[in-house]
């Protein structure tokens, strides 16, 4: 099980360890976004700092319906105690955890500032 917290803006935050190109782990606070069906987004500057390898470009639809092209990188994150290779989309804003990373897990959120966030494998 993984635990996080709801911030004052009512965002469910979970801390992830993302490995850089030298396999060093970096703790990153990411917002859970149930409207995002990918794995994880990270700011391009952070992707560059981590030295993550580029994979491809792909289109994605934003919440407002517009289509945008994203650069996609690969990385290993520690998810529920296990290293997991995933795709990361480069963005200009904050890190987001998407539904592909949450697949097979149950998400519980106490939606109040300081509320508990828990992500547990579905048995």
PDB file of N, CA and C in Angstrom:
ATOM      1  N   UNK A   1       0.844  -1.178   0.000  1.00  0.00           N
ATOM      2  CA  UNK A   1       0.000   0.000   0.000  1.00  0.00           C
ATOM      3  C   UNK A   1       0.887   1.238   0.000  1.00  0.00           C
ATOM      4  N   UNK A   2       0.411   2.258  -0.694  1.00  0.00           N
ATOM      5  CA  UNK A   2       1.110   3.535  -0.745  1.00  0.00           C
ATOM      6  C   UNK A   2       0.200   4.587  -0.138  1.00  0.00           C
ATOM      7  N   UNK A   3       0.807   5.545   0.568  1.00  0.00           N
ATOM      8  CA  UNK A   3       0.029   6.569   1.246  1.00  0.00           C
ATOM      9  C   UNK A   3       0.482   7.955   0.840  1.00  0.00           C
ATOM     10  N   UNK A   4      -0.490   8.863   0.799  1.00  0.00           N
ATOM     11  CA  UNK A   4      -0.211  10.253   0.481  1.00  0.00           C
ATOM     12  C   UNK A   4      -1.117  11.147   1.289  1.00  0.00           C
ATOM     13  N   UNK A   5      -1.292  12.383   0.797  1.00  0.00           N
ATOM     14  CA  UNK A   5      -2.065  13.370   1.544  1.00  0.00           C
ATOM     15  C   UNK A   5      -2.777  14.295   0.560  1.00  0.00           C
ATOM     16  N   UNK A   6      -3.897  14.851   1.002  1.00  0.00           N
ATOM     17  CA  UNK A   6      -4.602  15.864   0.223  1.00  0.00           C
ATOM     18  C   UNK A   6      -4.039  17.217   0.629  1.00  0.00           C
ATOM     19  N   UNK A   7      -3.619  18.012  -0.360  1.00  0.00           N
ATOM     20  CA  UNK A   7      -3.032  19.318  -0.062  1.00  0.00           C
ATOM     21  C   UNK A   7      -4.127  20.383   0.141  1.00  0.00           C
ATOM     22  N   UNK A   8      -3.756  21.608   0.501  1.00  0.00           N
ATOM     23  CA  UNK A   8      -4.765  22.660   0.729  1.00  0.00           C
ATOM     24  C   UNK A   8      -5.617  22.995  -0.501  1.00  0.00           C
ATOM     25  N   UNK A   9      -5.118  22.683  -1.709  1.00  0.00           N
ATOM     26  CA  UNK A   9      -5.890  22.915  -2.927  1.00  0.00           C
ATOM     27  C   UNK A   9      -6.796  21.721  -3.263  1.00  0.00           C
ATOM     28  N   UNK A  10      -6.909  20.773  -2.319  1.00  0.00           N
ATOM     29  CA  UNK A  10      -7.721  19.559  -2.459  1.00  0.00           C
ATOM     30  C   UNK A  10      -7.228  18.617  -3.556  1.00  0.00           C
ATOM     31  N   UNK A  11      -5.915  18.599  -3.784  1.00  0.00           N
ATOM     32  CA  UNK A  11      -5.301  17.676  -4.727  1.00  0.00           C
ATOM     33  C   UNK A  11      -4.750  16.476  -3.964  1.00  0.00           C
ATOM     34  N   UNK A  12      -5.014  15.278  -4.482  1.00  0.00           N
ATOM     35  CA  UNK A  12      -4.487  14.056  -3.880  1.00  0.00           C
ATOM     36  C   UNK A  12      -3.039  13.885  -4.339  1.00  0.00           C
ATOM     37  N   UNK A  13      -2.109  13.916  -3.387  1.00  0.00           N
ATOM     38  CA  UNK A  13      -0.675  13.884  -3.683  1.00  0.00           C
ATOM     39  C   UNK A  13      -0.078  12.567  -3.198  1.00  0.00           C
ATOM     40  N   UNK A  14       0.721  11.964  -4.065  1.00  0.00           N
ATOM     41  CA  UNK A  14       1.436  10.741  -3.738  1.00  0.00           C
ATOM     42  C   UNK A  14       2.894  10.951  -4.097  1.00  0.00           C
ATOM     43  N   UNK A  15       3.802  10.514  -3.252  1.00  0.00           N
ATOM     44  CA  UNK A  15       5.230  10.653  -3.538  1.00  0.00           C
ATOM     45  C   UNK A  15       5.727   9.397  -4.253  1.00  0.00           C
ATOM     46  N   UNK A  16       6.407   9.613  -5.370  1.00  0.00           N
ATOM     47  CA  UNK A  16       6.985   8.521  -6.154  1.00  0.00           C
ATOM     48  C   UNK A  16       8.496   8.647  -6.177  1.00  0.00           C
ATOM     49  N   UNK A  17       9.176   7.525  -6.275  1.00  0.00           N
ATOM     50  CA  UNK A  17      10.615   7.528  -6.512  1.00  0.00           C
ATOM     51  C   UNK A  17      10.846   7.219  -7.983  1.00  0.00           C
ATOM     52  N   UNK A  18      11.410   8.183  -8.702  1.00  0.00           N
ATOM     53  CA  UNK A  18      11.714   8.035 -10.118  1.00  0.00           C
ATOM     54  C   UNK A  18      13.226   7.897 -10.247  1.00  0.00           C
ATOM     55  N   UNK A  19      13.668   6.879 -10.981  1.00  0.00           N
ATOM     56  CA  UNK A  19      15.098   6.651 -11.141  1.00  0.00           C
ATOM     57  C   UNK A  19      15.631   7.463 -12.319  1.00  0.00           C
ATOM     58  N   UNK A  20      16.796   8.074 -12.100  1.00  0.00           N
ATOM     59  CA  UNK A  20      17.437   8.832 -13.173  1.00  0.00           C
ATOM     60  C   UNK A  20      18.239   7.893 -14.068  1.00  0.00           C
ATOM     61  N   UNK A  21      18.970   8.449 -15.030  1.00  0.00           N
ATOM     62  CA  UNK A  21      19.740   7.653 -15.983  1.00  0.00           C
ATOM     63  C   UNK A  21      20.838   6.830 -15.314  1.00  0.00           C
ATOM     64  N   UNK A  22      21.249   7.202 -14.090  1.00  0.00           N
ATOM     65  CA  UNK A  22      22.267   6.454 -13.342  1.00  0.00           C
ATOM     66  C   UNK A  22      21.633   5.561 -12.277  1.00  0.00           C
ATOM     67  N   UNK A  23      20.322   5.324 -12.370  1.00  0.00           N
ATOM     68  CA  UNK A  23      19.553   4.475 -11.451  1.00  0.00           C
ATOM     69  C   UNK A  23      19.492   5.017 -10.027  1.00  0.00           C
ATOM     70  N   UNK A  24      19.686   6.317  -9.866  1.00  0.00           N
ATOM     71  CA  UNK A  24      19.526   6.952  -8.561  1.00  0.00           C
ATOM     72  C   UNK A  24      18.061   7.381  -8.411  1.00  0.00           C
ATOM     73  N   UNK A  25      17.466   7.103  -7.258  1.00  0.00           N
ATOM     74  CA  UNK A  25      16.056   7.425  -7.026  1.00  0.00           C
ATOM     75  C   UNK A  25      15.898   8.882  -6.595  1.00  0.00           C
ATOM     76  N   UNK A  26      14.863   9.524  -7.129  1.00  0.00           N
ATOM     77  CA  UNK A  26      14.522  10.901  -6.776  1.00  0.00           C
ATOM     78  C   UNK A  26      13.065  10.933  -6.352  1.00  0.00           C
ATOM     79  N   UNK A  27      12.795  11.426  -5.139  1.00  0.00           N
ATOM     80  CA  UNK A  27      11.423  11.518  -4.637  1.00  0.00           C
ATOM     81  C   UNK A  27      10.715  12.689  -5.309  1.00  0.00           C
ATOM     82  N   UNK A  28       9.556  12.411  -5.878  1.00  0.00           N
ATOM     83  CA  UNK A  28       8.779  13.423  -6.594  1.00  0.00           C
ATOM     84  C   UNK A  28       7.343  13.364  -6.104  1.00  0.00           C
ATOM     85  N   UNK A  29       6.812  14.510  -5.706  1.00  0.00           N
ATOM     86  CA  UNK A  29       5.403  14.597  -5.338  1.00  0.00           C
ATOM     87  C   UNK A  29       4.589  14.772  -6.605  1.00  0.00           C
ATOM     88  N   UNK A  30       3.587  13.902  -6.799  1.00  0.00           N
ATOM     89  CA  UNK A  30       2.755  13.955  -8.001  1.00  0.00           C
ATOM     90  C   UNK A  30       1.285  13.973  -7.607  1.00  0.00           C
ATOM     91  N   UNK A  31       0.505  14.695  -8.394  1.00  0.00           N
ATOM     92  CA  UNK A  31      -0.933  14.800  -8.182  1.00  0.00           C
ATOM     93  C   UNK A  31      -1.628  13.676  -8.934  1.00  0.00           C
ATOM     94  N   UNK A  32      -2.548  13.000  -8.272  1.00  0.00           N
ATOM     95  CA  UNK A  32      -3.330  11.954  -8.926  1.00  0.00           C
ATOM     96  C   UNK A  32      -4.400  12.630  -9.773  1.00  0.00           C
ATOM     97  N   UNK A  33      -4.436  12.253 -11.067  1.00  0.00           N
ATOM     98  CA  UNK A  33      -5.369  12.850 -12.016  1.00  0.00           C
ATOM     99  C   UNK A  33      -6.176  11.734 -12.683  1.00  0.00           C
ATOM    100  N   UNK A  34      -7.403  11.517 -12.205  1.00  0.00           N
ATOM    101  CA  UNK A  34      -8.231  10.431 -12.735  1.00  0.00           C
ATOM    102  C   UNK A  34      -8.739  10.719 -14.147  1.00  0.00           C
ATOM    103  N   UNK A  35      -8.551  11.934 -14.642  1.00  0.00           N
ATOM    104  CA  UNK A  35      -8.924  12.265 -16.008  1.00  0.00           C
ATOM    105  C   UNK A  35      -7.803  12.037 -17.009  1.00  0.00           C
ATOM    106  N   UNK A  36      -6.642  11.616 -16.536  1.00  0.00           N
ATOM    107  CA  UNK A  36      -5.469  11.361 -17.383  1.00  0.00           C
ATOM    108  C   UNK A  36      -5.295   9.849 -17.484  1.00  0.00           C
ATOM    109  N   UNK A  37      -5.333   9.301 -18.697  1.00  0.00           N
ATOM    110  CA  UNK A  37      -5.267   7.845 -18.834  1.00  0.00           C
ATOM    111  C   UNK A  37      -3.859   7.308 -19.068  1.00  0.00           C
ATOM    112  N   UNK A  38      -2.853   8.170 -19.083  1.00  0.00           N
ATOM    113  CA  UNK A  38      -1.467   7.727 -19.222  1.00  0.00           C
ATOM    114  C   UNK A  38      -0.895   7.279 -17.890  1.00  0.00           C
ATOM    115  N   UNK A  39       0.442   7.158 -17.844  1.00  0.00           N
ATOM    116  CA  UNK A  39       1.120   6.717 -16.629  1.00  0.00           C
ATOM    117  C   UNK A  39       1.511   7.891 -15.737  1.00  0.00           C
ATOM    118  N   UNK A  40       2.376   8.771 -16.267  1.00  0.00           N
ATOM    119  CA  UNK A  40       2.934   9.845 -15.456  1.00  0.00           C
ATOM    120  C   UNK A  40       3.348  10.985 -16.374  1.00  0.00           C
ATOM    121  N   UNK A  41       3.153  12.219 -15.913  1.00  0.00           N
ATOM    122  CA  UNK A  41       3.720  13.375 -16.600  1.00  0.00           C
ATOM    123  C   UNK A  41       4.771  13.976 -15.689  1.00  0.00           C
ATOM    124  N   UNK A  42       5.785  14.539 -16.305  1.00  0.00           N
ATOM    125  CA  UNK A  42       6.812  15.283 -15.565  1.00  0.00           C
ATOM    126  C   UNK A  42       7.163  16.522 -16.371  1.00  0.00           C
ATOM    127  N   UNK A  43       7.536  17.611 -15.689  1.00  0.00           N
ATOM    128  CA  UNK A  43       8.012  18.788 -16.417  1.00  0.00           C
ATOM    129  C   UNK A  43       9.273  18.446 -17.224  1.00  0.00           C
ATOM    130  N   UNK A  44       9.368  19.014 -18.422  1.00  0.00           N
ATOM    131  CA  UNK A  44      10.507  18.738 -19.312  1.00  0.00           C
ATOM    132  C   UNK A  44      11.838  19.038 -18.623  1.00  0.00           C
ATOM    133  N   UNK A  45      11.890  20.103 -17.834  1.00  0.00           N
ATOM    134  CA  UNK A  45      13.131  20.448 -17.143  1.00  0.00           C
ATOM    135  C   UNK A  45      13.559  19.329 -16.191  1.00  0.00           C
ATOM    136  N   UNK A  46      12.601  18.718 -15.488  1.00  0.00           N
ATOM    137  CA  UNK A  46      12.923  17.613 -14.587  1.00  0.00           C
ATOM    138  C   UNK A  46      13.366  16.384 -15.382  1.00  0.00           C
ATOM    139  N   UNK A  47      12.710  16.120 -16.495  1.00  0.00           N
ATOM    140  CA  UNK A  47      13.098  14.996 -17.359  1.00  0.00           C
ATOM    141  C   UNK A  47      14.549  15.170 -17.808  1.00  0.00           C
ATOM    142  N   UNK A  48      14.918  16.388 -18.199  1.00  0.00           N
ATOM    143  CA  UNK A  48      16.287  16.666 -18.629  1.00  0.00           C
ATOM    144  C   UNK A  48      17.264  16.478 -17.471  1.00  0.00           C
ATOM    145  N   UNK A  49      16.912  16.966 -16.296  1.00  0.00           N
ATOM    146  CA  UNK A  49      17.770  16.814 -15.114  1.00  0.00           C
ATOM    147  C   UNK A  49      18.007  15.339 -14.790  1.00  0.00           C
ATOM    148  N   UNK A  50      16.955  14.525 -14.939  1.00  0.00           N
ATOM    149  CA  UNK A  50      17.069  13.092 -14.652  1.00  0.00           C
ATOM    150  C   UNK A  50      17.777  12.328 -15.776  1.00  0.00           C
ATOM    151  N   UNK A  51      17.902  12.950 -16.942  1.00  0.00           N
ATOM    152  CA  UNK A  51      18.550  12.300 -18.078  1.00  0.00           C
ATOM    153  C   UNK A  51      17.759  11.130 -18.636  1.00  0.00           C
ATOM    154  N   UNK A  52      16.432  11.233 -18.644  1.00  0.00           N
ATOM    155  CA  UNK A  52      15.595  10.124 -19.098  1.00  0.00           C
ATOM    156  C   UNK A  52      15.662   9.972 -20.617  1.00  0.00           C
ATOM    157  N   UNK A  53      15.664   8.738 -21.103  1.00  0.00           N
ATOM    158  CA  UNK A  53      15.744   8.515 -22.550  1.00  0.00           C
ATOM    159  C   UNK A  53      14.418   8.816 -23.256  1.00  0.00           C
ATOM    160  N   UNK A  54      14.530   9.469 -24.419  1.00  0.00           N
ATOM    161  CA  UNK A  54      13.382   9.808 -25.244  1.00  0.00           C
ATOM    162  C   UNK A  54      12.887   8.545 -25.931  1.00  0.00           C
ATOM    163  N   UNK A  55      11.563   8.388 -26.039  1.00  0.00           N
ATOM    164  CA  UNK A  55      10.969   7.218 -26.680  1.00  0.00           C
ATOM    165  C   UNK A  55      10.309   7.576 -28.009  1.00  0.00           C
ATOM    166  N   UNK A  56       9.419   8.569 -27.988  1.00  0.00           N
ATOM    167  CA  UNK A  56       8.673   8.909 -29.197  1.00  0.00           C
ATOM    168  C   UNK A  56       7.874  10.185 -28.953  1.00  0.00           C
ATOM    169  N   UNK A  57       7.104  10.569 -29.956  1.00  0.00           N
ATOM    170  CA  UNK A  57       6.123  11.650 -29.831  1.00  0.00           C
ATOM    171  C   UNK A  57       4.760  11.034 -30.051  1.00  0.00           C
ATOM    172  N   UNK A  58       3.777  11.505 -29.281  1.00  0.00           N
ATOM    173  CA  UNK A  58       2.415  11.019 -29.486  1.00  0.00           C
ATOM    174  C   UNK A  58       1.414  12.111 -29.170  1.00  0.00           C
ATOM    175  N   UNK A  59       0.233  11.963 -29.741  1.00  0.00           N
ATOM    176  CA  UNK A  59      -0.830  12.928 -29.502  1.00  0.00           C
ATOM    177  C   UNK A  59      -1.608  12.555 -28.258  1.00  0.00           C
ATOM    178  N   UNK A  60      -2.118  13.579 -27.590  1.00  0.00           N
ATOM    179  CA  UNK A  60      -2.977  13.372 -26.444  1.00  0.00           C
ATOM    180  C   UNK A  60      -4.041  14.453 -26.406  1.00  0.00           C
ATOM    181  N   UNK A  61      -5.201  14.089 -25.891  1.00  0.00           N
ATOM    182  CA  UNK A  61      -6.295  15.045 -25.783  1.00  0.00           C
ATOM    183  C   UNK A  61      -6.333  15.615 -24.372  1.00  0.00           C
ATOM    184  N   UNK A  62      -6.355  16.934 -24.273  1.00  0.00           N
ATOM    185  CA  UNK A  62      -6.409  17.610 -22.988  1.00  0.00           C
ATOM    186  C   UNK A  62      -7.852  17.679 -22.489  1.00  0.00           C
ATOM    187  N   UNK A  63      -8.027  18.068 -21.232  1.00  0.00           N
ATOM    188  CA  UNK A  63      -9.356  18.139 -20.629  1.00  0.00           C
ATOM    189  C   UNK A  63     -10.287  19.082 -21.373  1.00  0.00           C
ATOM    190  N   UNK A  64      -9.736  20.109 -22.023  1.00  0.00           N
ATOM    191  CA  UNK A  64     -10.582  21.061 -22.762  1.00  0.00           C
ATOM    192  C   UNK A  64     -10.897  20.585 -24.175  1.00  0.00           C
ATOM    193  N   UNK A  65     -10.459  19.373 -24.525  1.00  0.00           N
ATOM    194  CA  UNK A  65     -10.751  18.795 -25.824  1.00  0.00           C
ATOM    195  C   UNK A  65      -9.710  19.044 -26.890  1.00  0.00           C
ATOM    196  N   UNK A  66      -8.746  19.914 -26.628  1.00  0.00           N
ATOM    197  CA  UNK A  66      -7.716  20.183 -27.624  1.00  0.00           C
ATOM    198  C   UNK A  66      -6.734  19.014 -27.709  1.00  0.00           C
ATOM    199  N   UNK A  67      -6.164  18.855 -28.891  1.00  0.00           N
ATOM    200  CA  UNK A  67      -5.162  17.813 -29.128  1.00  0.00           C
ATOM    201  C   UNK A  67      -3.785  18.460 -29.074  1.00  0.00           C
ATOM    202  N   UNK A  68      -2.867  17.807 -28.371  1.00  0.00           N
ATOM    203  CA  UNK A  68      -1.505  18.311 -28.254  1.00  0.00           C
ATOM    204  C   UNK A  68      -0.541  17.167 -28.500  1.00  0.00           C
ATOM    205  N   UNK A  69       0.627  17.480 -29.006  1.00  0.00           N
ATOM    206  CA  UNK A  69       1.675  16.473 -29.216  1.00  0.00           C
ATOM    207  C   UNK A  69       2.628  16.523 -28.026  1.00  0.00           C
ATOM    208  N   UNK A  70       2.934  15.352 -27.471  1.00  0.00           N
ATOM    209  CA  UNK A  70       3.810  15.246 -26.311  1.00  0.00           C
ATOM    210  C   UNK A  70       5.039  14.423 -26.663  1.00  0.00           C
ATOM    211  N   UNK A  71       6.191  14.832 -26.141  1.00  0.00           N
ATOM    212  CA  UNK A  71       7.372  13.985 -26.177  1.00  0.00           C
ATOM    213  C   UNK A  71       7.215  12.969 -25.057  1.00  0.00           C
ATOM    214  N   UNK A  72       7.542  11.708 -25.363  1.00  0.00           N
ATOM    215  CA  UNK A  72       7.392  10.623 -24.401  1.00  0.00           C
ATOM    216  C   UNK A  72       8.771  10.062 -24.082  1.00  0.00           C
ATOM    217  N   UNK A  73       9.025   9.851 -22.814  1.00  0.00           N
ATOM    218  CA  UNK A  73      10.294   9.332 -22.313  1.00  0.00           C
ATOM    219  C   UNK A  73      10.014   8.052 -21.539  1.00  0.00           C
ATOM    220  N   UNK A  74      11.046   7.317 -21.220  1.00  0.00           N
ATOM    221  CA  UNK A  74      10.887   6.120 -20.394  1.00  0.00           C
ATOM    222  C   UNK A  74      11.652   6.299 -19.094  1.00  0.00           C
ATOM    223  N   UNK A  75      11.134   5.653 -18.061  1.00  0.00           N
ATOM    224  CA  UNK A  75      11.799   5.701 -16.762  1.00  0.00           C
ATOM    225  C   UNK A  75      11.320   4.531 -15.922  1.00  0.00           C
ATOM    226  N   UNK A  76      12.033   4.316 -14.846  1.00  0.00           N
ATOM    227  CA  UNK A  76      11.627   3.330 -13.857  1.00  0.00           C
ATOM    228  C   UNK A  76      11.167   4.078 -12.616  1.00  0.00           C
ATOM    229  N   UNK A  77       9.982   3.721 -12.144  1.00  0.00           N
ATOM    230  CA  UNK A  77       9.478   4.259 -10.883  1.00  0.00           C
ATOM    231  C   UNK A  77       9.328   3.101  -9.912  1.00  0.00           C
ATOM    232  N   UNK A  78       9.445   3.408  -8.634  1.00  0.00           N
ATOM    233  CA  UNK A  78       9.176   2.396  -7.625  1.00  0.00           C
ATOM    234  C   UNK A  78       7.695   2.530  -7.284  1.00  0.00           C
ATOM    235  N   UNK A  79       6.929   1.527  -7.656  1.00  0.00           N
ATOM    236  CA  UNK A  79       5.482   1.535  -7.478  1.00  0.00           C
ATOM    237  C   UNK A  79       5.104   0.394  -6.546  1.00  0.00           C
ATOM    238  N   UNK A  80       4.568   0.729  -5.406  1.00  0.00           N
ATOM    239  CA  UNK A  80       4.173  -0.258  -4.398  1.00  0.00           C
ATOM    240  C   UNK A  80       5.353  -1.158  -4.036  1.00  0.00           C
ATOM    241  N   UNK A  81       6.544  -0.542  -3.939  1.00  0.00           N
ATOM    242  CA  UNK A  81       7.744  -1.250  -3.518  1.00  0.00           C
ATOM    243  C   UNK A  81       8.472  -1.997  -4.616  1.00  0.00           C
ATOM    244  N   UNK A  82       7.950  -1.946  -5.847  1.00  0.00           N
ATOM    245  CA  UNK A  82       8.538  -2.705  -6.950  1.00  0.00           C
ATOM    246  C   UNK A  82       8.929  -1.771  -8.093  1.00  0.00           C
ATOM    247  N   UNK A  83      10.149  -1.891  -8.620  1.00  0.00           N
ATOM    248  CA  UNK A  83      10.526  -1.080  -9.787  1.00  0.00           C
ATOM    249  C   UNK A  83       9.641  -1.433 -10.984  1.00  0.00           C
ATOM    250  N   UNK A  84       9.203  -0.398 -11.692  1.00  0.00           N
ATOM    251  CA  UNK A  84       8.289  -0.598 -12.817  1.00  0.00           C
ATOM    252  C   UNK A  84       8.662   0.370 -13.939  1.00  0.00           C
ATOM    253  N   UNK A  85       8.921  -0.164 -15.125  1.00  0.00           N
ATOM    254  CA  UNK A  85       9.223   0.669 -16.283  1.00  0.00           C
ATOM    255  C   UNK A  85       7.939   1.259 -16.850  1.00  0.00           C
ATOM    256  N   UNK A  86       7.934   2.561 -17.055  1.00  0.00           N
ATOM    257  CA  UNK A  86       6.735   3.243 -17.553  1.00  0.00           C
ATOM    258  C   UNK A  86       7.100   4.300 -18.589  1.00  0.00           C
ATOM    259  N   UNK A  87       6.059   4.804 -19.261  1.00  0.00           N
ATOM    260  CA  UNK A  87       6.203   5.948 -20.155  1.00  0.00           C
ATOM    261  C   UNK A  87       5.881   7.223 -19.392  1.00  0.00           C
ATOM    262  N   UNK A  88       6.633   8.272 -19.688  1.00  0.00           N
ATOM    263  CA  UNK A  88       6.426   9.568 -19.049  1.00  0.00           C
ATOM    264  C   UNK A  88       6.239  10.611 -20.135  1.00  0.00           C
ATOM    265  N   UNK A  89       5.154  11.365 -20.058  1.00  0.00           N
ATOM    266  CA  UNK A  89       4.901  12.433 -21.018  1.00  0.00           C
ATOM    267  C   UNK A  89       5.457  13.745 -20.475  1.00  0.00           C
ATOM    268  N   UNK A  90       6.168  14.468 -21.334  1.00  0.00           N
ATOM    269  CA  UNK A  90       6.751  15.753 -20.956  1.00  0.00           C
ATOM    270  C   UNK A  90       5.673  16.835 -21.008  1.00  0.00           C
ATOM    271  N   UNK A  91       5.598  17.625 -19.948  1.00  0.00           N
ATOM    272  CA  UNK A  91       4.625  18.712 -19.848  1.00  0.00           C
ATOM    273  C   UNK A  91       5.313  19.950 -19.277  1.00  0.00           C
ATOM    274  N   UNK A  92       4.594  21.059 -19.263  1.00  0.00           N
ATOM    275  CA  UNK A  92       5.163  22.279 -18.687  1.00  0.00           C
ATOM    276  C   UNK A  92       4.708  22.487 -17.250  1.00  0.00           C
ATOM    277  N   UNK A  93       3.715  21.721 -16.813  1.00  0.00           N
ATOM    278  CA  UNK A  93       3.205  21.919 -15.450  1.00  0.00           C
ATOM    279  C   UNK A  93       3.695  20.833 -14.501  1.00  0.00           C
ATOM    280  N   UNK A  94       2.962  20.621 -13.446  1.00  0.00           N
ATOM    281  CA  UNK A  94       3.395  19.724 -12.372  1.00  0.00           C
ATOM    282  C   UNK A  94       3.222  18.240 -12.722  1.00  0.00           C
ATOM    283  N   UNK A  95       3.909  17.367 -11.997  1.00  0.00           N
ATOM    284  CA  UNK A  95       3.781  15.929 -12.218  1.00  0.00           C
ATOM    285  C   UNK A  95       2.367  15.433 -11.927  1.00  0.00           C
ATOM    286  N   UNK A  96       1.876  14.563 -12.827  1.00  0.00           N
ATOM    287  CA  UNK A  96       0.558  13.964 -12.672  1.00  0.00           C
ATOM    288  C   UNK A  96       0.662  12.446 -12.780  1.00  0.00           C
ATOM    289  N   UNK A  97      -0.030  11.749 -11.892  1.00  0.00           N
ATOM    290  CA  UNK A  97      -0.158  10.294 -11.955  1.00  0.00           C
ATOM    291  C   UNK A  97      -1.464   9.995 -12.672  1.00  0.00           C
ATOM    292  N   UNK A  98      -1.389   9.160 -13.711  1.00  0.00           N
ATOM    293  CA  UNK A  98      -2.572   8.816 -14.489  1.00  0.00           C
ATOM    294  C   UNK A  98      -3.121   7.438 -14.162  1.00  0.00           C
ATOM    295  N   UNK A  99      -4.225   7.131 -14.797  1.00  0.00           N
ATOM    296  CA  UNK A  99      -4.950   5.896 -14.534  1.00  0.00           C
ATOM    297  C   UNK A  99      -4.193   4.642 -14.972  1.00  0.00           C
ATOM    298  N   UNK A 100      -3.306   4.737 -15.962  1.00  0.00           N
ATOM    299  CA  UNK A 100      -2.528   3.554 -16.358  1.00  0.00           C
ATOM    300  C   UNK A 100      -1.602   3.102 -15.230  1.00  0.00           C
ATOM    301  N   UNK A 101      -1.057   4.046 -14.476  1.00  0.00           N
ATOM    302  CA  UNK A 101      -0.210   3.687 -13.338  1.00  0.00           C
ATOM    303  C   UNK A 101      -1.057   3.108 -12.203  1.00  0.00           C
ATOM    304  N   UNK A 102      -2.288   3.588 -12.072  1.00  0.00           N
ATOM    305  CA  UNK A 102      -3.191   3.125 -11.008  1.00  0.00           C
ATOM    306  C   UNK A 102      -3.929   1.837 -11.358  1.00  0.00           C
ATOM    307  N   UNK A 103      -3.824   1.379 -12.600  1.00  0.00           N
ATOM    308  CA  UNK A 103      -4.566   0.183 -13.010  1.00  0.00           C
ATOM    309  C   UNK A 103      -4.237  -0.997 -12.111  1.00  0.00           C
ATOM    310  N   UNK A 104      -5.283  -1.685 -11.638  1.00  0.00           N
ATOM    311  CA  UNK A 104      -5.114  -2.828 -10.748  1.00  0.00           C
ATOM    312  C   UNK A 104      -5.032  -2.438  -9.284  1.00  0.00           C
ATOM    313  N   UNK A 105      -5.253  -1.161  -8.988  1.00  0.00           N
ATOM    314  CA  UNK A 105      -5.173  -0.644  -7.619  1.00  0.00           C
ATOM    315  C   UNK A 105      -6.468   0.062  -7.235  1.00  0.00           C
ATOM    316  N   UNK A 106      -6.709   0.126  -5.936  1.00  0.00           N
ATOM    317  CA  UNK A 106      -7.842   0.866  -5.402  1.00  0.00           C
ATOM    318  C   UNK A 106      -7.331   2.186  -4.840  1.00  0.00           C
ATOM    319  N   UNK A 107      -8.009   3.272  -5.202  1.00  0.00           N
ATOM    320  CA  UNK A 107      -7.647   4.610  -4.735  1.00  0.00           C
ATOM    321  C   UNK A 107      -8.694   5.073  -3.733  1.00  0.00           C
ATOM    322  N   UNK A 108      -8.253   5.500  -2.562  1.00  0.00           N
ATOM    323  CA  UNK A 108      -9.142   6.084  -1.547  1.00  0.00           C
ATOM    324  C   UNK A 108      -8.605   7.452  -1.170  1.00  0.00           C
ATOM    325  N   UNK A 109      -9.518   8.424  -1.126  1.00  0.00           N
ATOM    326  CA  UNK A 109      -9.122   9.798  -0.832  1.00  0.00           C
ATOM    327  C   UNK A 109     -10.114  10.407   0.147  1.00  0.00           C
ATOM    328  N   UNK A 110      -9.600  10.954   1.232  1.00  0.00           N
ATOM    329  CA  UNK A 110     -10.404  11.764   2.151  1.00  0.00           C
ATOM    330  C   UNK A 110     -10.270  13.201   1.665  1.00  0.00           C
ATOM    331  N   UNK A 111     -11.295  13.703   1.005  1.00  0.00           N
ATOM    332  CA  UNK A 111     -11.191  14.977   0.303  1.00  0.00           C
ATOM    333  C   UNK A 111     -11.423  16.146   1.249  1.00  0.00           C
ATOM    334  N   UNK A 112     -10.432  16.385   2.078  1.00  0.00           N
ATOM    335  CA  UNK A 112     -10.328  17.545   2.966  1.00  0.00           C
ATOM    336  C   UNK A 112      -8.844  17.870   3.059  1.00  0.00           C
ATOM    337  N   UNK A 113      -8.473  19.138   3.257  1.00  0.00           N
ATOM    338  CA  UNK A 113      -7.055  19.443   3.412  1.00  0.00           C
ATOM    339  C   UNK A 113      -6.429  18.582   4.517  1.00  0.00           C
ATOM    340  N   UNK A 114      -5.332  17.928   4.217  1.00  0.00           N
ATOM    341  CA  UNK A 114      -4.668  17.039   5.162  1.00  0.00           C
ATOM    342  C   UNK A 114      -5.251  15.641   5.178  1.00  0.00           C
ATOM    343  N   UNK A 115      -6.265  15.381   4.358  1.00  0.00           N
ATOM    344  CA  UNK A 115      -6.896  14.062   4.317  1.00  0.00           C
ATOM    345  C   UNK A 115      -5.952  12.984   3.803  1.00  0.00           C
ATOM    346  N   UNK A 116      -6.286  11.760   4.138  1.00  0.00           N
ATOM    347  CA  UNK A 116      -5.460  10.618   3.762  1.00  0.00           C
ATOM    348  C   UNK A 116      -5.731  10.206   2.318  1.00  0.00           C
ATOM    349  N   UNK A 117      -4.659   9.801   1.630  1.00  0.00           N
ATOM    350  CA  UNK A 117      -4.724   9.208   0.303  1.00  0.00           C
ATOM    351  C   UNK A 117      -4.088   7.833   0.418  1.00  0.00           C
ATOM    352  N   UNK A 118      -4.786   6.793  -0.039  1.00  0.00           N
ATOM    353  CA  UNK A 118      -4.194   5.468  -0.026  1.00  0.00           C
ATOM    354  C   UNK A 118      -4.432   4.781  -1.363  1.00  0.00           C
ATOM    355  N   UNK A 119      -3.414   4.064  -1.807  1.00  0.00           N
ATOM    356  CA  UNK A 119      -3.460   3.309  -3.051  1.00  0.00           C
ATOM    357  C   UNK A 119      -3.015   1.899  -2.688  1.00  0.00           C
ATOM    358  N   UNK A 120      -3.930   0.927  -2.895  1.00  0.00           N
ATOM    359  CA  UNK A 120      -3.638  -0.461  -2.520  1.00  0.00           C
ATOM    360  C   UNK A 120      -3.976  -1.377  -3.670  1.00  0.00           C
ATOM    361  N   UNK A 121      -3.172  -2.427  -3.827  1.00  0.00           N
ATOM    362  CA  UNK A 121      -3.421  -3.428  -4.867  1.00  0.00           C
ATOM    363  C   UNK A 121      -4.774  -4.066  -4.641  1.00  0.00           C
ATOM    364  N   UNK A 122      -5.501  -4.284  -5.736  1.00  0.00           N
ATOM    365  CA  UNK A 122      -6.776  -4.979  -5.658  1.00  0.00           C
ATOM    366  C   UNK A 122      -6.473  -6.474  -5.562  1.00  0.00           C
ATOM    367  N   UNK A 123      -6.991  -7.126  -4.515  1.00  0.00           N
ATOM    368  CA  UNK A 123      -6.665  -8.555  -4.350  1.00  0.00           C
ATOM    369  C   UNK A 123      -7.246  -9.422  -5.464  1.00  0.00           C
TER     370      UNK A 123
END
